[in-house]
Amino acid sequence: MAAARINGKTIIITGASSGIGRSTAFEFARIAGPGSTIRLVLTARRLDVLKAVADELAKEFGAHQTVHVLPVQLDVSDPDAVRAFVPSLPAEFRNIDVLVNNAGLARGFARAPAIAEADMNVMFATNVTGLINMTQAVLPIFQARPDGGHGDIINIGSGAGRQAYAGGGIYCATKAALRSFSESLRMELVSTRIRVIEIDPGQVETNFSVVRHYGDQAKADAIYADVEPLTPEDIAEVIVFAASRRENVVLADAMIFPSHQAGGGVMFRRPS
């Protein structure tokens, strides 16, 4: 039944070159199954990596189903690029059904008054403004459909948007803003069949921590010492589950922790 519900759909995934976004593309293709047709628009800043992801998808799923993949270089923090995004899509990819707002980042653990302005600006521009601009670019397509409109907006938040922690003031604030935007948007669209879905992961092992530590792999690895974090595939399964529910079912709010985590800053580390 899940396969039938996503068959024929066009899905945009931002931040699709790695981590949760990449895994979500593969999960949509896997759930669609043999004999199905889906179109995946994968966006990120690194076009070469996106093309490699598209090649992997074609190699794994091309023999038994039709997975059309369009890699598009896009920095969601660039408002002009976002405005030009939908009009620049080939006609067969413009009838968008699902938007997965996954692109996001954190920079550093600085505390006020030592927070770098550049870090603050890029987090808000990507995590908040970029997500809102992407939503506004795609939403008119959903609203133009009959019976009030339909489509899915899936926002990838964070447990940090629910529970702040020291050293995360800006990142936590951006994810709290995302949460407020999602809740407001859901209320504004309640008379339609447009679903607003928020999925908030806890600790997930991705390239996110490397970026947060300014490329220091050793510091990123230390975060996951003596714990078993979530994987990108864990979150991708929930994203696709939410998108493949019956249209009247809205998985509005999901918080997903690994077993060693009980809150934004509450973790248990097993002895090594």
C-alpha atoms as a PDB file:
ATOM      1  CA  MET A   1       0.000   0.000   0.000  1.00  0.00           C
ATOM      2  CA  ALA A   2       2.845   2.431   0.798  1.00  0.00           C
ATOM      3  CA  ALA A   3       4.315   1.809  -2.655  1.00  0.00           C
ATOM      4  CA  ALA A   4       1.019   2.645  -4.349  1.00  0.00           C
ATOM      5  CA  ARG A   5       0.770   5.916  -2.439  1.00  0.00           C
ATOM      6  CA  ILE A   6       4.117   7.233  -3.680  1.00  0.00           C
ATOM      7  CA  ASN A   7       3.986   5.755  -7.169  1.00  0.00           C
ATOM      8  CA  GLY A   8       4.081   8.500  -9.787  1.00  0.00           C
ATOM      9  CA  LYS A   9       5.082  11.232  -7.357  1.00  0.00           C
ATOM     10  CA  THR A  10       7.694  13.934  -7.759  1.00  0.00           C
ATOM     11  CA  ILE A  11       9.764  14.471  -4.627  1.00  0.00           C
ATOM     12  CA  ILE A  12      12.242  17.243  -3.839  1.00  0.00           C
ATOM     13  CA  ILE A  13      14.910  16.568  -1.224  1.00  0.00           C
ATOM     14  CA  THR A  14      17.209  19.407  -0.164  1.00  0.00           C
ATOM     15  CA  GLY A  15      20.630  18.613   1.280  1.00  0.00           C
ATOM     16  CA  ALA A  16      20.552  15.333  -0.636  1.00  0.00           C
ATOM     17  CA  SER A  17      24.270  14.849  -1.264  1.00  0.00           C
ATOM     18  CA  SER A  18      24.900  13.001   2.012  1.00  0.00           C
ATOM     19  CA  GLY A  19      23.454  11.943   5.349  1.00  0.00           C
ATOM     20  CA  ILE A  20      19.704  11.979   5.891  1.00  0.00           C
ATOM     21  CA  GLY A  21      18.927  13.528   2.510  1.00  0.00           C
ATOM     22  CA  ARG A  22      20.853  10.919   0.547  1.00  0.00           C
ATOM     23  CA  SER A  23      19.368   8.068   2.561  1.00  0.00           C
ATOM     24  CA  THR A  24      15.868   9.484   2.037  1.00  0.00           C
ATOM     25  CA  ALA A  25      16.316   9.360  -1.737  1.00  0.00           C
ATOM     26  CA  PHE A  26      17.272   5.689  -1.550  1.00  0.00           C
ATOM     27  CA  GLU A  27      14.402   4.910   0.830  1.00  0.00           C
ATOM     28  CA  PHE A  28      11.815   6.465  -1.488  1.00  0.00           C
ATOM     29  CA  ALA A  29      13.198   4.388  -4.358  1.00  0.00           C
ATOM     30  CA  ARG A  30      13.224   1.225  -2.249  1.00  0.00           C
ATOM     31  CA  ILE A  31       9.665   1.630  -0.956  1.00  0.00           C
ATOM     32  CA  ALA A  32       8.320   2.475  -4.420  1.00  0.00           C
ATOM     33  CA  GLY A  33       9.279  -1.038  -5.480  1.00  0.00           C
ATOM     34  CA  PRO A  34       9.358  -2.880  -8.825  1.00  0.00           C
ATOM     35  CA  GLY A  35       7.145  -1.583 -11.590  1.00  0.00           C
ATOM     36  CA  SER A  36       6.763   1.862 -10.056  1.00  0.00           C
ATOM     37  CA  THR A  37       7.695   5.296 -11.316  1.00  0.00           C
ATOM     38  CA  ILE A  38       8.944   8.146  -9.124  1.00  0.00           C
ATOM     39  CA  ARG A  39      10.819  11.343  -9.843  1.00  0.00           C
ATOM     40  CA  LEU A  40      13.454  12.569  -7.399  1.00  0.00           C
ATOM     41  CA  VAL A  41      14.795  16.120  -7.511  1.00  0.00           C
ATOM     42  CA  LEU A  42      17.957  16.078  -5.415  1.00  0.00           C
ATOM     43  CA  THR A  43      19.476  19.402  -4.414  1.00  0.00           C
ATOM     44  CA  ALA A  44      22.666  20.397  -2.613  1.00  0.00           C
ATOM     45  CA  ARG A  45      25.610  22.705  -3.064  1.00  0.00           C
ATOM     46  CA  ARG A  46      27.908  19.934  -4.380  1.00  0.00           C
ATOM     47  CA  LEU A  47      26.695  19.009  -7.859  1.00  0.00           C
ATOM     48  CA  ASP A  48      29.430  16.438  -8.452  1.00  0.00           C
ATOM     49  CA  VAL A  49      28.376  14.496  -5.354  1.00  0.00           C
ATOM     50  CA  LEU A  50      24.707  14.714  -6.341  1.00  0.00           C
ATOM     51  CA  LYS A  51      25.530  13.269  -9.750  1.00  0.00           C
ATOM     52  CA  ALA A  52      27.300  10.364  -8.055  1.00  0.00           C
ATOM     53  CA  VAL A  53      24.204   9.762  -5.901  1.00  0.00           C
ATOM     54  CA  ALA A  54      22.031   9.801  -9.045  1.00  0.00           C
ATOM     55  CA  ASP A  55      24.321   7.231 -10.676  1.00  0.00           C
ATOM     56  CA  GLU A  56      24.099   4.977  -7.612  1.00  0.00           C
ATOM     57  CA  LEU A  57      20.300   5.193  -7.614  1.00  0.00           C
ATOM     58  CA  ALA A  58      20.167   4.283 -11.307  1.00  0.00           C
ATOM     59  CA  LYS A  59      22.513   1.348 -10.783  1.00  0.00           C
ATOM     60  CA  GLU A  60      20.580  -0.040  -7.804  1.00  0.00           C
ATOM     61  CA  PHE A  61      16.994   0.556  -8.917  1.00  0.00           C
ATOM     62  CA  GLY A  62      17.035   1.119 -12.658  1.00  0.00           C
ATOM     63  CA  ALA A  63      16.593  -2.505 -13.711  1.00  0.00           C
ATOM     64  CA  HIS A  64      13.165  -3.151 -12.181  1.00  0.00           C
ATOM     65  CA  GLN A  65      11.529   0.249 -11.799  1.00  0.00           C
ATOM     66  CA  THR A  66      11.648   3.747 -13.215  1.00  0.00           C
ATOM     67  CA  VAL A  67      13.394   6.184 -10.899  1.00  0.00           C
ATOM     68  CA  HIS A  68      13.953   9.485 -12.666  1.00  0.00           C
ATOM     69  CA  VAL A  69      16.621  11.476 -10.803  1.00  0.00           C
ATOM     70  CA  LEU A  70      17.393  15.133 -11.415  1.00  0.00           C
ATOM     71  CA  PRO A  71      20.432  16.482  -9.530  1.00  0.00           C
ATOM     72  CA  VAL A  72      20.279  20.271  -9.112  1.00  0.00           C
ATOM     73  CA  GLN A  73      22.938  22.463  -7.575  1.00  0.00           C
ATOM     74  CA  LEU A  74      21.201  24.696  -5.038  1.00  0.00           C
ATOM     75  CA  ASP A  75      22.252  26.633  -1.969  1.00  0.00           C
ATOM     76  CA  VAL A  76      19.000  27.200  -0.056  1.00  0.00           C
ATOM     77  CA  SER A  77      20.605  30.121   1.794  1.00  0.00           C
ATOM     78  CA  ASP A  78      20.690  32.038  -1.516  1.00  0.00           C
ATOM     79  CA  PRO A  79      17.210  33.622  -1.949  1.00  0.00           C
ATOM     80  CA  ASP A  80      17.754  34.394  -5.645  1.00  0.00           C
ATOM     81  CA  ALA A  81      18.720  30.785  -6.357  1.00  0.00           C
ATOM     82  CA  VAL A  82      15.628  29.519  -4.539  1.00  0.00           C
ATOM     83  CA  ARG A  83      13.358  31.902  -6.465  1.00  0.00           C
ATOM     84  CA  ALA A  84      14.790  30.626  -9.759  1.00  0.00           C
ATOM     85  CA  PHE A  85      14.660  26.971  -8.735  1.00  0.00           C
ATOM     86  CA  VAL A  86      11.115  25.859  -9.634  1.00  0.00           C
ATOM     87  CA  PRO A  87      10.889  27.816 -12.927  1.00  0.00           C
ATOM     88  CA  SER A  88      14.204  26.267 -14.015  1.00  0.00           C
ATOM     89  CA  LEU A  89      13.013  22.663 -13.565  1.00  0.00           C
ATOM     90  CA  PRO A  90      12.191  20.620 -16.666  1.00  0.00           C
ATOM     91  CA  ALA A  91       8.434  20.457 -17.214  1.00  0.00           C
ATOM     92  CA  GLU A  92       8.174  16.816 -16.182  1.00  0.00           C
ATOM     93  CA  PHE A  93       9.640  17.629 -12.741  1.00  0.00           C
ATOM     94  CA  ARG A  94       7.514  20.689 -11.894  1.00  0.00           C
ATOM     95  CA  ASN A  95       4.388  18.906 -10.688  1.00  0.00           C
ATOM     96  CA  ILE A  96       5.888  18.482  -7.225  1.00  0.00           C
ATOM     97  CA  ASP A  97       4.106  16.294  -4.663  1.00  0.00           C
ATOM     98  CA  VAL A  98       6.526  16.149  -1.720  1.00  0.00           C
ATOM     99  CA  LEU A  99       9.056  18.679  -0.424  1.00  0.00           C
ATOM    100  CA  VAL A 100      11.580  17.350   2.094  1.00  0.00           C
ATOM    101  CA  ASN A 101      13.242  20.388   3.699  1.00  0.00           C
ATOM    102  CA  ASN A 102      16.343  18.608   4.946  1.00  0.00           C
ATOM    103  CA  ALA A 103      19.183  21.064   4.262  1.00  0.00           C
ATOM    104  CA  GLY A 104      20.589  22.409   7.509  1.00  0.00           C
ATOM    105  CA  LEU A 105      23.779  22.892   9.471  1.00  0.00           C
ATOM    106  CA  ALA A 106      25.381  23.944  12.730  1.00  0.00           C
ATOM    107  CA  ARG A 107      28.617  25.847  13.173  1.00  0.00           C
ATOM    108  CA  GLY A 108      30.588  25.632  16.400  1.00  0.00           C
ATOM    109  CA  PHE A 109      29.636  25.579  20.084  1.00  0.00           C
ATOM    110  CA  ALA A 110      30.432  29.197  20.929  1.00  0.00           C
ATOM    111  CA  ARG A 111      28.602  30.917  23.769  1.00  0.00           C
ATOM    112  CA  ALA A 112      27.559  34.558  23.899  1.00  0.00           C
ATOM    113  CA  PRO A 113      29.263  37.000  23.614  1.00  0.00           C
ATOM    114  CA  ALA A 114      31.778  34.975  21.564  1.00  0.00           C
ATOM    115  CA  ILE A 115      29.411  33.750  18.823  1.00  0.00           C
ATOM    116  CA  ALA A 116      30.857  34.534  15.395  1.00  0.00           C
ATOM    117  CA  GLU A 117      28.549  36.676  13.280  1.00  0.00           C
ATOM    118  CA  ALA A 118      29.325  34.620  10.171  1.00  0.00           C
ATOM    119  CA  ASP A 119      28.299  31.402  11.927  1.00  0.00           C
ATOM    120  CA  MET A 120      25.113  32.975  13.238  1.00  0.00           C
ATOM    121  CA  ASN A 121      24.180  34.310   9.801  1.00  0.00           C
ATOM    122  CA  VAL A 122      24.765  31.069   7.892  1.00  0.00           C
ATOM    123  CA  MET A 123      22.751  29.010  10.395  1.00  0.00           C
ATOM    124  CA  PHE A 124      19.738  31.322  10.188  1.00  0.00           C
ATOM    125  CA  ALA A 125      20.045  31.722   6.407  1.00  0.00           C
ATOM    126  CA  THR A 126      20.112  27.959   5.858  1.00  0.00           C
ATOM    127  CA  ASN A 127      17.996  26.501   8.654  1.00  0.00           C
ATOM    128  CA  VAL A 128      15.279  29.143   8.787  1.00  0.00           C
ATOM    129  CA  THR A 129      15.197  31.524   5.824  1.00  0.00           C
ATOM    130  CA  GLY A 130      16.246  28.849   3.338  1.00  0.00           C
ATOM    131  CA  LEU A 131      13.575  26.432   4.533  1.00  0.00           C
ATOM    132  CA  ILE A 132      10.860  29.101   4.450  1.00  0.00           C
ATOM    133  CA  ASN A 133      11.884  30.267   0.986  1.00  0.00           C
ATOM    134  CA  MET A 134      11.842  26.685  -0.348  1.00  0.00           C
ATOM    135  CA  THR A 135       8.397  26.176   1.153  1.00  0.00           C
ATOM    136  CA  GLN A 136       7.081  29.368  -0.446  1.00  0.00           C
ATOM    137  CA  ALA A 137       8.554  28.353  -3.806  1.00  0.00           C
ATOM    138  CA  VAL A 138       6.751  24.997  -3.816  1.00  0.00           C
ATOM    139  CA  LEU A 139       3.544  25.693  -1.875  1.00  0.00           C
ATOM    140  CA  PRO A 140       1.695  27.430  -4.760  1.00  0.00           C
ATOM    141  CA  ILE A 141       1.976  24.192  -6.757  1.00  0.00           C
ATOM    142  CA  PHE A 142       0.226  22.323  -3.958  1.00  0.00           C
ATOM    143  CA  GLN A 143      -2.435  25.019  -3.527  1.00  0.00           C
ATOM    144  CA  ALA A 144      -3.298  25.084  -7.246  1.00  0.00           C
ATOM    145  CA  ARG A 145      -4.598  21.516  -7.131  1.00  0.00           C
ATOM    146  CA  PRO A 146      -8.349  20.803  -6.969  1.00  0.00           C
ATOM    147  CA  ASP A 147     -10.335  20.509  -3.729  1.00  0.00           C
ATOM    148  CA  GLY A 148      -8.205  23.052  -1.852  1.00  0.00           C
ATOM    149  CA  GLY A 149      -4.893  21.521  -2.822  1.00  0.00           C
ATOM    150  CA  HIS A 150      -2.723  18.669  -1.639  1.00  0.00           C
ATOM    151  CA  GLY A 151       0.957  17.804  -1.152  1.00  0.00           C
ATOM    152  CA  ASP A 152       3.448  17.142   1.626  1.00  0.00           C
ATOM    153  CA  ILE A 153       5.887  19.540   3.296  1.00  0.00           C
ATOM    154  CA  ILE A 154       8.270  17.546   5.478  1.00  0.00           C
ATOM    155  CA  ASN A 155      10.527  19.691   7.658  1.00  0.00           C
ATOM    156  CA  ILE A 156      13.544  18.069   9.285  1.00  0.00           C
ATOM    157  CA  GLY A 157      13.987  19.754  12.630  1.00  0.00           C
ATOM    158  CA  SER A 158      15.931  18.611  15.675  1.00  0.00           C
ATOM    159  CA  GLY A 159      15.529  17.740  19.305  1.00  0.00           C
ATOM    160  CA  ALA A 160      17.514  20.951  19.803  1.00  0.00           C
ATOM    161  CA  GLY A 161      14.423  22.863  18.733  1.00  0.00           C
ATOM    162  CA  ARG A 162      12.561  21.462  21.744  1.00  0.00           C
ATOM    163  CA  GLN A 163      15.286  21.536  24.395  1.00  0.00           C
ATOM    164  CA  ALA A 164      18.129  24.043  24.235  1.00  0.00           C
ATOM    165  CA  TYR A 165      21.615  23.359  25.559  1.00  0.00           C
ATOM    166  CA  ALA A 166      24.671  25.413  26.464  1.00  0.00           C
ATOM    167  CA  GLY A 167      26.832  26.185  23.456  1.00  0.00           C
ATOM    168  CA  GLY A 168      23.945  25.649  21.052  1.00  0.00           C
ATOM    169  CA  GLY A 169      22.155  28.961  21.405  1.00  0.00           C
ATOM    170  CA  ILE A 170      21.987  29.822  17.711  1.00  0.00           C
ATOM    171  CA  TYR A 171      21.446  26.316  16.340  1.00  0.00           C
ATOM    172  CA  CYS A 172      18.742  25.623  18.927  1.00  0.00           C
ATOM    173  CA  ALA A 173      17.096  28.945  18.114  1.00  0.00           C
ATOM    174  CA  THR A 174      16.988  28.130  14.394  1.00  0.00           C
ATOM    175  CA  LYS A 175      15.356  24.763  15.023  1.00  0.00           C
ATOM    176  CA  ALA A 176      12.861  26.314  17.445  1.00  0.00           C
ATOM    177  CA  ALA A 177      11.997  28.811  14.699  1.00  0.00           C
ATOM    178  CA  LEU A 178      11.494  25.933  12.264  1.00  0.00           C
ATOM    179  CA  ARG A 179       9.140  24.321  14.753  1.00  0.00           C
ATOM    180  CA  SER A 180       7.071  27.483  15.150  1.00  0.00           C
ATOM    181  CA  PHE A 181       6.902  27.964  11.396  1.00  0.00           C
ATOM    182  CA  SER A 182       5.734  24.373  10.895  1.00  0.00           C
ATOM    183  CA  GLU A 183       3.001  24.710  13.506  1.00  0.00           C
ATOM    184  CA  SER A 184       1.768  28.014  12.093  1.00  0.00           C
ATOM    185  CA  LEU A 185       1.811  26.689   8.526  1.00  0.00           C
ATOM    186  CA  ARG A 186      -0.171  23.613   9.563  1.00  0.00           C
ATOM    187  CA  MET A 187      -2.858  25.871  11.036  1.00  0.00           C
ATOM    188  CA  GLU A 188      -2.954  28.055   7.924  1.00  0.00           C
ATOM    189  CA  LEU A 189      -3.430  25.020   5.672  1.00  0.00           C
ATOM    190  CA  VAL A 190      -5.858  23.048   7.831  1.00  0.00           C
ATOM    191  CA  SER A 191      -8.701  23.477   5.320  1.00  0.00           C
ATOM    192  CA  THR A 192      -6.630  21.763   2.601  1.00  0.00           C
ATOM    193  CA  ARG A 193      -5.123  18.328   2.062  1.00  0.00           C
ATOM    194  CA  ILE A 194      -1.633  19.830   2.290  1.00  0.00           C
ATOM    195  CA  ARG A 195       0.193  18.056   5.094  1.00  0.00           C
ATOM    196  CA  VAL A 196       2.851  19.762   7.190  1.00  0.00           C
ATOM    197  CA  ILE A 197       5.065  17.162   8.852  1.00  0.00           C
ATOM    198  CA  GLU A 198       7.922  17.807  11.260  1.00  0.00           C
ATOM    199  CA  ILE A 199      10.470  15.139  12.085  1.00  0.00           C
ATOM    200  CA  ASP A 200      12.943  15.922  14.863  1.00  0.00           C
ATOM    201  CA  PRO A 201      15.943  13.582  15.116  1.00  0.00           C
ATOM    202  CA  GLY A 202      18.097  13.253  18.190  1.00  0.00           C
ATOM    203  CA  GLN A 203      21.739  12.296  17.778  1.00  0.00           C
ATOM    204  CA  VAL A 204      22.442  11.028  14.250  1.00  0.00           C
ATOM    205  CA  GLU A 205      25.900  10.175  12.941  1.00  0.00           C
ATOM    206  CA  THR A 206      26.350  12.150   9.718  1.00  0.00           C
ATOM    207  CA  ASN A 207      28.707  14.717   8.211  1.00  0.00           C
ATOM    208  CA  PHE A 208      26.757  17.286  10.262  1.00  0.00           C
ATOM    209  CA  SER A 209      29.196  17.000  13.171  1.00  0.00           C
ATOM    210  CA  VAL A 210      32.223  17.418  10.906  1.00  0.00           C
ATOM    211  CA  VAL A 211      30.750  20.666   9.580  1.00  0.00           C
ATOM    212  CA  ARG A 212      29.947  21.810  13.101  1.00  0.00           C
ATOM    213  CA  HIS A 213      33.585  21.237  14.083  1.00  0.00           C
ATOM    214  CA  TYR A 214      34.836  23.155  11.040  1.00  0.00           C
ATOM    215  CA  GLY A 215      36.093  19.995   9.313  1.00  0.00           C
ATOM    216  CA  ASP A 216      37.831  18.395  12.322  1.00  0.00           C
ATOM    217  CA  GLN A 217      37.001  14.692  11.881  1.00  0.00           C
ATOM    218  CA  ALA A 218      38.585  13.628  15.172  1.00  0.00           C
ATOM    219  CA  LYS A 219      36.415  16.005  17.199  1.00  0.00           C
ATOM    220  CA  ALA A 220      33.339  14.876  15.275  1.00  0.00           C
ATOM    221  CA  ASP A 221      34.136  11.203  15.942  1.00  0.00           C
ATOM    222  CA  ALA A 222      34.537  11.894  19.672  1.00  0.00           C
ATOM    223  CA  ILE A 223      30.864  12.880  19.885  1.00  0.00           C
ATOM    224  CA  TYR A 224      29.862   9.301  19.093  1.00  0.00           C
ATOM    225  CA  ALA A 225      32.359   7.570  21.381  1.00  0.00           C
ATOM    226  CA  ASP A 226      30.748   4.919  23.629  1.00  0.00           C
ATOM    227  CA  VAL A 227      27.250   5.444  22.183  1.00  0.00           C
ATOM    228  CA  GLU A 228      25.225   4.058  19.307  1.00  0.00           C
ATOM    229  CA  PRO A 229      23.738   7.049  17.476  1.00  0.00           C
ATOM    230  CA  LEU A 230      20.910   6.931  14.992  1.00  0.00           C
ATOM    231  CA  THR A 231      21.816   6.375  11.357  1.00  0.00           C
ATOM    232  CA  PRO A 232      20.597   8.436   8.406  1.00  0.00           C
ATOM    233  CA  GLU A 233      18.634   5.371   7.324  1.00  0.00           C
ATOM    234  CA  ASP A 234      16.707   5.409  10.618  1.00  0.00           C
ATOM    235  CA  ILE A 235      15.422   8.897   9.881  1.00  0.00           C
ATOM    236  CA  ALA A 236      14.847   8.214   6.181  1.00  0.00           C
ATOM    237  CA  GLU A 237      12.516   5.350   7.075  1.00  0.00           C
ATOM    238  CA  VAL A 238      10.372   7.706   9.174  1.00  0.00           C
ATOM    239  CA  ILE A 239      10.308  10.388   6.460  1.00  0.00           C
ATOM    240  CA  VAL A 240       9.088   7.945   3.824  1.00  0.00           C
ATOM    241  CA  PHE A 241       6.631   6.364   6.264  1.00  0.00           C
ATOM    242  CA  ALA A 242       5.097   9.802   6.886  1.00  0.00           C
ATOM    243  CA  ALA A 243       4.888  10.586   3.163  1.00  0.00           C
ATOM    244  CA  SER A 244       3.261   7.243   2.348  1.00  0.00           C
ATOM    245  CA  ARG A 245       0.351   7.393   4.803  1.00  0.00           C
ATOM    246  CA  ARG A 246      -3.228   7.718   3.610  1.00  0.00           C
ATOM    247  CA  GLU A 247      -3.815  11.346   2.608  1.00  0.00           C
ATOM    248  CA  ASN A 248      -6.085  12.045   5.584  1.00  0.00           C
ATOM    249  CA  VAL A 249      -3.382  10.884   8.032  1.00  0.00           C
ATOM    250  CA  VAL A 250      -0.881  13.520   9.152  1.00  0.00           C
ATOM    251  CA  LEU A 251       2.159  12.403  11.093  1.00  0.00           C
ATOM    252  CA  ALA A 252       2.497  15.957  12.294  1.00  0.00           C
ATOM    253  CA  ASP A 253       5.187  15.680  14.946  1.00  0.00           C
ATOM    254  CA  ALA A 254       7.786  12.956  15.453  1.00  0.00           C
ATOM    255  CA  MET A 255      10.703  12.960  17.931  1.00  0.00           C
ATOM    256  CA  ILE A 256      13.263  10.216  17.369  1.00  0.00           C
ATOM    257  CA  PHE A 257      16.025   9.431  19.855  1.00  0.00           C
ATOM    258  CA  PRO A 258      18.666   6.716  20.002  1.00  0.00           C
ATOM    259  CA  SER A 259      18.239   4.546  23.091  1.00  0.00           C
ATOM    260  CA  HIS A 260      21.007   6.329  25.025  1.00  0.00           C
ATOM    261  CA  GLN A 261      19.288   9.721  24.708  1.00  0.00           C
ATOM    262  CA  ALA A 262      16.334  11.002  26.716  1.00  0.00           C
ATOM    263  CA  GLY A 263      16.358  14.679  25.794  1.00  0.00           C
ATOM    264  CA  GLY A 264      18.299  17.326  23.941  1.00  0.00           C
ATOM    265  CA  GLY A 265      21.190  17.198  26.384  1.00  0.00           C
ATOM    266  CA  VAL A 266      20.386  14.056  28.393  1.00  0.00           C
ATOM    267  CA  MET A 267      22.577  11.176  27.272  1.00  0.00           C
ATOM    268  CA  PHE A 268      24.020   8.012  28.768  1.00  0.00           C
ATOM    269  CA  ARG A 269      27.481   6.918  27.715  1.00  0.00           C
ATOM    270  CA  ARG A 270      28.253   3.244  28.077  1.00  0.00           C
ATOM    271  CA  PRO A 271      31.639   2.366  29.621  1.00  0.00           C
ATOM    272  CA  SER A 272      34.173   1.481  26.954  1.00  0.00           C
END
